[in-house]
Amino acid sequence: MRITLVEDNVSLAKGIAYRLEDAGHSVDVLHDGNAAFDFLKNDASDLVILDINLPGRDGLSILKEMRAQGDGRPIILLTARAETDDRVVGLDAGADDYLIKPFEMVELEARVRALLRRREAPHRQVRQLGAVQFDMSARQLFAAEQEIEVPRREMSILELLVLADGRLTSKASLLEHAYGTGADVEESVVEVYVSRLRRRLRPFGIHIKAQRGLGYQLLVEPRK
């Protein structure tokens, strides 16, 4: 899943991002409230982790504006404020959960899993791709009810190609989906993941076609 993390403590933000990425998520990291507010207006992440005390626009005002605009994504607030009144204000403003610093990373991961399960439950989607079923909420591939093992970065690439419904997807978009916005990774790694995916999927009639300079598209052979 894709997560947006807004935290001005750079060291803490890196630690959270590493843990979430290790758990298979893509993470976009922002450190400034104004930049985060602009980013979240057009972002399509599945969950937001939002610090209250930020330079520029504060987290509570961002949260209130998101809810006012009808943005129903799960939001976890982070704060150093332990008073009950502060927690009530955050939850009343529309937060789904609240963590007080300092916290254990395992607790944050558990909160993230719980909220993502809640979000996925009514929207479970299984896409048929030739002889393969792709459970998009669980990020799992099956052929004849047997799971096909796909590493998480390759799965992120596949996920975005499937969502494109046969349209071209650029290398930059695939890289961003796999690693998060602003990741210091060369676009050439996408070619490696696509090559591996091709080998995994070809026996099932699924092909990834490259359009030089434009990107990739997923093509599925009709089932016989």
Protein backbone atom coordinates (compact mmCIF):
# COMPACT_ATOMS: atom_id res chain seq x y z
CA MET A 1 0.00 0.00 0.00
CA ARG A 2 0.98 3.62 -0.46
CA ILE A 3 1.47 5.78 2.64
CA THR A 4 2.10 9.52 2.96
CA LEU A 5 4.23 10.45 5.98
CA VAL A 6 4.38 14.08 7.16
CA GLU A 7 6.97 14.51 9.93
CA ASP A 8 9.45 17.39 10.37
CA ASN A 9 11.92 15.36 12.47
CA VAL A 10 14.07 14.03 9.63
CA SER A 11 15.65 11.20 11.65
CA LEU A 12 12.28 9.98 12.92
CA ALA A 13 10.77 10.25 9.45
CA LYS A 14 13.58 8.13 7.99
CA GLY A 15 13.14 5.51 10.69
CA ILE A 16 9.38 5.28 10.12
CA ALA A 17 9.80 5.16 6.35
CA TYR A 18 12.37 2.36 6.52
CA ARG A 19 10.14 0.25 8.76
CA LEU A 20 7.08 0.74 6.57
CA GLU A 21 9.04 0.03 3.38
CA ASP A 22 10.42 -3.15 4.94
CA ALA A 23 6.79 -4.15 5.55
CA GLY A 24 6.10 -3.78 1.82
CA HIS A 25 4.62 -0.28 1.62
CA SER A 26 5.58 2.64 -0.61
CA VAL A 27 6.17 5.79 1.43
CA ASP A 28 6.15 9.46 0.40
CA VAL A 29 7.88 11.62 3.01
CA LEU A 30 7.31 15.36 3.57
CA HIS A 31 8.72 17.58 6.32
CA ASP A 32 6.81 20.85 5.89
CA GLY A 33 3.13 21.57 6.52
CA ASN A 34 2.62 23.84 3.52
CA ALA A 35 4.26 21.37 1.13
CA ALA A 36 2.27 18.52 2.67
CA PHE A 37 -1.03 20.39 2.28
CA ASP A 38 -0.36 20.96 -1.45
CA PHE A 39 0.84 17.38 -1.95
CA LEU A 40 -2.13 15.74 -0.24
CA LYS A 41 -4.65 17.59 -2.41
CA ASN A 42 -3.62 15.49 -5.41
CA ASP A 43 -2.09 12.46 -3.70
CA ALA A 44 -3.71 9.02 -3.98
CA SER A 45 -2.12 7.28 -1.00
CA ASP A 46 -4.05 4.74 1.07
CA LEU A 47 -3.14 6.16 4.48
CA VAL A 48 -1.62 9.34 5.97
CA ILE A 49 0.64 9.58 9.02
CA LEU A 50 0.55 13.22 10.08
CA ASP A 51 2.56 15.04 12.75
CA ILE A 52 0.67 17.86 14.49
CA ASN A 53 3.59 20.24 15.09
CA LEU A 54 4.95 21.15 11.66
CA PRO A 55 6.74 24.14 10.18
CA GLY A 56 4.29 26.11 8.07
CA ARG A 57 0.77 24.75 8.26
CA ASP A 58 0.12 22.60 11.34
CA GLY A 59 -1.15 19.05 11.18
CA LEU A 60 -4.56 19.72 12.72
CA SER A 61 -5.44 22.36 10.14
CA ILE A 62 -4.33 20.00 7.35
CA LEU A 63 -6.50 17.24 8.84
CA LYS A 64 -9.55 19.51 9.15
CA GLU A 65 -9.20 20.72 5.57
CA MET A 66 -8.84 17.17 4.24
CA ARG A 67 -12.04 16.13 5.99
CA ALA A 68 -13.84 19.28 4.85
CA GLN A 69 -12.94 18.37 1.27
CA GLY A 70 -14.39 14.88 1.70
CA ASP A 71 -11.04 13.09 1.93
CA GLY A 72 -11.85 9.96 3.92
CA ARG A 73 -8.42 8.32 3.96
CA PRO A 74 -7.31 6.88 7.31
CA ILE A 75 -5.12 9.36 9.20
CA ILE A 76 -2.83 8.65 12.15
CA LEU A 77 -1.79 11.73 14.11
CA LEU A 78 1.65 11.92 15.72
CA THR A 79 2.30 14.31 18.59
CA ALA A 80 4.41 14.91 21.67
CA ARG A 81 1.29 16.14 23.51
CA ALA A 82 0.08 13.52 26.00
CA GLU A 83 -2.88 15.38 27.48
CA THR A 84 -6.30 13.80 26.98
CA ASP A 85 -7.80 17.07 25.71
CA ASP A 86 -5.26 17.21 22.87
CA ARG A 87 -6.12 13.67 21.83
CA VAL A 88 -9.83 14.46 21.88
CA VAL A 89 -9.29 17.52 19.68
CA GLY A 90 -7.38 15.43 17.15
CA LEU A 91 -9.95 12.64 17.05
CA ASP A 92 -12.84 15.12 16.86
CA ALA A 93 -11.12 16.79 13.92
CA GLY A 94 -11.34 13.50 12.03
CA ALA A 95 -8.23 11.51 12.91
CA ASP A 96 -8.64 7.72 12.91
CA ASP A 97 -5.86 7.08 15.41
CA TYR A 98 -3.37 8.93 17.60
CA LEU A 99 0.19 8.09 18.71
CA ILE A 100 2.14 9.96 21.36
CA LYS A 101 5.89 10.38 20.94
CA PRO A 102 8.06 8.58 21.75
CA PHE A 103 6.41 5.38 20.54
CA GLU A 104 7.59 1.92 19.56
CA MET A 105 7.77 1.25 15.83
CA VAL A 106 5.99 -2.08 16.30
CA GLU A 107 3.00 -0.20 17.71
CA LEU A 108 2.90 2.16 14.73
CA GLU A 109 3.09 -0.81 12.36
CA ALA A 110 0.19 -2.49 14.18
CA ARG A 111 -1.92 0.69 13.95
CA VAL A 112 -1.15 0.95 10.23
CA ARG A 113 -2.13 -2.68 9.61
CA ALA A 114 -5.39 -2.25 11.52
CA LEU A 115 -6.42 0.86 9.60
CA LEU A 116 -5.50 -0.60 6.22
CA ARG A 117 -7.51 -3.75 6.98
CA ARG A 118 -10.47 -1.58 7.88
CA ARG A 119 -10.10 0.36 4.64
CA GLU A 120 -9.71 -2.72 2.46
CA ALA A 121 -12.53 -4.84 3.87
CA PRO A 122 -15.41 -3.28 1.89
CA HIS A 123 -13.31 -2.85 -1.26
CA ARG A 124 -11.67 -6.22 -1.77
CA GLN A 125 -10.81 -6.48 -5.46
CA VAL A 126 -9.75 -9.50 -7.46
CA ARG A 127 -8.75 -8.88 -11.07
CA GLN A 128 -8.61 -11.69 -13.62
CA LEU A 129 -5.47 -11.46 -15.78
CA GLY A 130 -5.53 -14.30 -18.24
CA ALA A 131 -4.98 -17.45 -16.19
CA VAL A 132 -4.02 -15.45 -13.11
CA GLN A 133 -6.09 -13.84 -10.35
CA PHE A 134 -4.66 -10.68 -8.79
CA ASP A 135 -6.01 -9.87 -5.32
CA MET A 136 -5.23 -6.16 -5.29
CA SER A 137 -6.12 -5.53 -1.66
CA ALA A 138 -3.90 -8.35 -0.39
CA ARG A 139 -1.30 -7.87 -3.13
CA GLN A 140 -1.28 -11.56 -4.03
CA LEU A 141 -1.23 -13.44 -7.33
CA PHE A 142 -2.82 -16.86 -7.80
CA ALA A 143 -2.87 -19.39 -10.62
CA ALA A 144 -5.12 -22.44 -10.17
CA GLU A 145 -5.47 -21.42 -6.49
CA GLN A 146 -1.71 -21.61 -5.99
CA GLU A 147 0.01 -18.40 -4.95
CA ILE A 148 2.72 -17.03 -7.25
CA GLU A 149 5.54 -15.57 -5.18
CA VAL A 150 6.35 -12.03 -6.31
CA PRO A 151 8.79 -9.77 -4.37
CA ARG A 152 7.25 -6.56 -3.08
CA ARG A 153 8.97 -4.11 -5.46
CA GLU A 154 7.93 -6.18 -8.46
CA MET A 155 4.43 -6.39 -7.02
CA SER A 156 4.30 -2.58 -6.81
CA ILE A 157 5.28 -2.37 -10.48
CA LEU A 158 2.64 -4.94 -11.42
CA GLU A 159 -0.02 -3.17 -9.35
CA LEU A 160 0.38 0.11 -11.20
CA LEU A 161 0.47 -1.60 -14.60
CA VAL A 162 -2.77 -3.41 -13.78
CA LEU A 163 -4.42 -0.18 -12.61
CA ALA A 164 -3.48 1.42 -15.94
CA ASP A 165 -5.81 -1.04 -17.75
CA GLY A 166 -3.54 -1.48 -20.75
CA ARG A 167 -2.49 2.16 -21.01
CA LEU A 168 1.15 3.19 -21.07
CA THR A 169 2.77 3.84 -17.71
CA SER A 170 6.04 5.81 -17.55
CA LYS A 171 9.20 4.57 -15.85
CA ALA A 172 9.06 7.57 -13.52
CA SER A 173 5.53 6.65 -12.38
CA LEU A 174 6.49 3.03 -11.81
CA LEU A 175 9.58 4.05 -9.84
CA GLU A 176 7.57 6.47 -7.70
CA HIS A 177 4.93 3.82 -6.99
CA ALA A 178 7.55 1.29 -5.93
CA TYR A 179 9.76 3.59 -3.82
CA GLY A 180 7.77 6.74 -3.03
CA THR A 181 8.14 10.30 -4.22
CA GLY A 182 11.67 11.70 -4.28
CA ALA A 183 13.45 8.38 -3.70
CA ASP A 184 17.14 8.48 -4.63
CA VAL A 185 16.92 5.54 -7.03
CA GLU A 186 17.82 5.37 -10.72
CA GLU A 187 14.99 4.76 -13.20
CA SER A 188 17.03 1.91 -14.66
CA VAL A 189 16.00 -0.31 -11.72
CA VAL A 190 12.50 -0.37 -13.24
CA GLU A 191 13.94 -2.25 -16.23
CA VAL A 192 15.32 -4.90 -13.88
CA TYR A 193 11.97 -5.39 -12.12
CA VAL A 194 10.06 -5.44 -15.40
CA SER A 195 12.45 -8.07 -16.80
CA ARG A 196 11.89 -10.29 -13.77
CA LEU A 197 8.14 -9.80 -13.93
CA ARG A 198 8.10 -10.76 -17.59
CA ARG A 199 9.74 -14.10 -16.79
CA ARG A 200 7.27 -14.78 -13.97
CA LEU A 201 4.15 -13.86 -15.94
CA ARG A 202 4.90 -15.05 -19.48
CA PRO A 203 3.82 -18.68 -18.79
CA PHE A 204 0.38 -17.34 -17.86
CA GLY A 205 -0.18 -15.33 -21.04
CA ILE A 206 0.68 -11.97 -19.48
CA HIS A 207 3.15 -9.72 -21.28
CA ILE A 208 4.75 -6.38 -20.47
CA LYS A 209 5.42 -4.39 -23.62
CA ALA A 210 7.97 -1.56 -23.68
CA GLN A 211 7.43 1.58 -25.74
CA ARG A 212 10.84 3.21 -26.06
CA GLY A 213 10.93 6.57 -24.34
CA LEU A 214 7.29 6.31 -23.24
CA GLY A 215 6.96 3.47 -20.75
CA TYR A 216 5.33 0.07 -20.37
CA GLN A 217 1.92 -1.47 -20.81
CA LEU A 218 0.45 -4.74 -19.61
CA LEU A 219 -1.06 -7.01 -22.26
CA VAL A 220 -3.05 -10.16 -21.50
CA GLU A 221 -3.70 -12.95 -23.99
CA PRO A 222 -7.37 -13.94 -24.31
CA ARG A 223 -8.22 -17.08 -22.34
CA LYS A 224 -8.83 -20.16 -24.49
